[in-house]
């Protein structure tokens, strides 16, 4: 196990829950263990609180999400998100997830090519 820490975006977490080959391969290729991963509070909300989920499903998803370290939205994340939105056309939840990864020096794990590209840019803002 390497010493890096990672942030899962919502699609990756959903993919892992559904055991999608793409999500599983993303972690396997990088040698990532789930114990090294955290999630943004935004991912927690999107994962657990989707429209139409019954109580049993919500409780099951909550139990999965609670296994991960959760990162709240701090003032630093807020400010990074504002700067990101001023320089990139990006959805607000993705902006907050990206800002969370940057603020906590986490490697973002995402299958979203646009989000991955923005994350990889050295001159983020």
Protein backbone atom coordinates (compact mmCIF):
# COMPACT_ATOMS: atom_id res chain seq x y z
CA UNK A 1 0.00 0.00 0.00
CA UNK A 2 1.36 3.42 -0.91
CA UNK A 3 1.14 6.39 1.46
CA UNK A 4 -1.05 8.51 -0.80
CA UNK A 5 -4.57 9.50 0.08
CA UNK A 6 -7.39 9.73 -2.42
CA UNK A 7 -10.76 11.40 -2.89
CA UNK A 8 -13.51 9.48 -4.68
CA UNK A 9 -15.95 11.51 -6.72
CA UNK A 10 -19.62 10.56 -6.70
CA UNK A 11 -19.64 8.59 -9.96
CA UNK A 12 -16.64 6.55 -8.86
CA UNK A 13 -18.25 5.77 -5.51
CA UNK A 14 -21.51 4.75 -7.21
CA UNK A 15 -19.51 2.63 -9.64
CA UNK A 16 -17.69 0.89 -6.81
CA UNK A 17 -20.99 0.23 -5.02
CA UNK A 18 -22.34 -1.32 -8.23
CA UNK A 19 -19.01 -3.06 -8.88
CA UNK A 20 -18.66 -1.43 -12.29
CA UNK A 21 -15.57 -2.66 -14.13
CA UNK A 22 -14.42 0.91 -14.89
CA UNK A 23 -14.50 2.03 -11.26
CA UNK A 24 -12.91 -1.15 -9.95
CA UNK A 25 -10.18 -0.91 -12.62
CA UNK A 26 -9.50 2.74 -11.76
CA UNK A 27 -8.52 1.79 -8.21
CA UNK A 28 -6.79 -1.45 -9.19
CA UNK A 29 -4.59 0.26 -11.80
CA UNK A 30 -3.32 2.69 -9.17
CA UNK A 31 -3.00 0.10 -6.41
CA UNK A 32 -5.48 1.97 -4.23
CA UNK A 33 -7.16 0.46 -1.19
CA UNK A 34 -10.52 1.79 -0.02
CA UNK A 35 -8.94 2.52 3.37
CA UNK A 36 -6.88 5.23 1.61
CA UNK A 37 -9.98 6.95 0.23
CA UNK A 38 -12.21 9.70 1.48
CA UNK A 39 -15.23 11.52 0.10
CA UNK A 40 -16.44 15.09 0.05
CA UNK A 41 -19.60 15.90 1.96
CA UNK A 42 -21.02 16.67 -1.50
CA UNK A 43 -20.36 13.09 -2.59
CA UNK A 44 -21.98 11.87 0.62
CA UNK A 45 -25.12 13.92 -0.12
CA UNK A 46 -25.29 12.87 -3.78
CA UNK A 47 -24.66 9.20 -2.96
CA UNK A 48 -27.08 8.84 -0.04
CA UNK A 49 -29.72 11.42 -0.93
CA UNK A 50 -30.80 10.61 -4.44
CA UNK A 51 -34.46 11.17 -5.34
CA UNK A 52 -36.75 8.20 -4.91
CA UNK A 53 -34.56 6.14 -2.58
CA UNK A 54 -36.58 4.22 -0.02
CA UNK A 55 -35.54 4.11 3.63
CA UNK A 56 -33.77 0.74 3.39
CA UNK A 57 -31.76 1.83 0.35
CA UNK A 58 -30.82 5.12 1.99
CA UNK A 59 -29.66 3.31 5.13
CA UNK A 60 -27.61 0.86 3.06
CA UNK A 61 -25.96 3.67 1.10
CA UNK A 62 -25.36 5.65 4.29
CA UNK A 63 -23.59 2.65 5.83
CA UNK A 64 -21.31 2.47 2.77
CA UNK A 65 -20.59 6.21 2.73
CA UNK A 66 -19.84 6.32 6.44
CA UNK A 67 -16.91 3.94 5.95
CA UNK A 68 -14.98 6.78 4.33
CA UNK A 69 -13.43 9.86 5.86
CA UNK A 70 -15.73 12.74 4.99
CA UNK A 71 -14.35 16.18 4.23
CA UNK A 72 -16.69 19.10 5.01
CA UNK A 73 -16.75 22.35 3.07
CA UNK A 74 -14.26 24.66 4.77
CA UNK A 75 -13.59 28.31 3.99
CA UNK A 76 -10.52 27.22 2.03
CA UNK A 77 -12.63 24.85 -0.09
CA UNK A 78 -15.24 27.58 -0.57
CA UNK A 79 -12.60 30.03 -1.80
CA UNK A 80 -10.98 27.46 -4.11
CA UNK A 81 -14.40 26.58 -5.52
CA UNK A 82 -15.13 30.24 -6.25
CA UNK A 83 -11.82 30.62 -8.08
CA UNK A 84 -12.41 27.41 -10.03
CA UNK A 85 -15.87 28.51 -11.13
CA UNK A 86 -14.47 31.85 -12.26
CA UNK A 87 -11.93 30.14 -14.53
CA UNK A 88 -13.63 26.90 -15.61
CA UNK A 89 -17.12 25.99 -16.77
CA UNK A 90 -17.80 23.24 -14.27
CA UNK A 91 -20.84 22.06 -12.31
CA UNK A 92 -21.00 23.23 -8.70
CA UNK A 93 -20.86 19.73 -7.10
CA UNK A 94 -17.83 18.84 -9.24
CA UNK A 95 -16.23 22.17 -8.34
CA UNK A 96 -16.62 21.48 -4.63
CA UNK A 97 -15.28 17.93 -4.97
CA UNK A 98 -12.28 19.18 -6.96
CA UNK A 99 -11.63 21.98 -4.45
CA UNK A 100 -11.80 19.44 -1.62
CA UNK A 101 -9.15 17.28 -3.27
CA UNK A 102 -6.88 20.28 -3.83
CA UNK A 103 -7.38 21.73 -0.33
CA UNK A 104 -6.51 18.44 1.36
CA UNK A 105 -3.74 17.44 -1.09
CA UNK A 106 -5.67 14.32 -2.13
CA UNK A 107 -5.43 12.55 -5.46
CA UNK A 108 -8.83 12.75 -7.14
CA UNK A 109 -10.19 9.47 -8.48
CA UNK A 110 -12.74 10.17 -11.19
CA UNK A 111 -13.88 8.69 -14.47
CA UNK A 112 -15.06 12.14 -15.60
CA UNK A 113 -12.49 13.13 -18.23
CA UNK A 114 -13.22 16.86 -17.99
CA UNK A 115 -12.90 16.86 -14.21
CA UNK A 116 -9.71 14.78 -14.39
CA UNK A 117 -8.23 17.19 -16.94
CA UNK A 118 -8.96 20.25 -14.79
CA UNK A 119 -7.57 18.47 -11.72
CA UNK A 120 -4.33 17.66 -13.58
CA UNK A 121 -3.72 21.24 -14.64
CA UNK A 122 -0.84 22.68 -12.67
CA UNK A 123 -2.16 26.22 -13.01
CA UNK A 124 -5.53 25.36 -11.53
CA UNK A 125 -6.89 28.89 -11.26
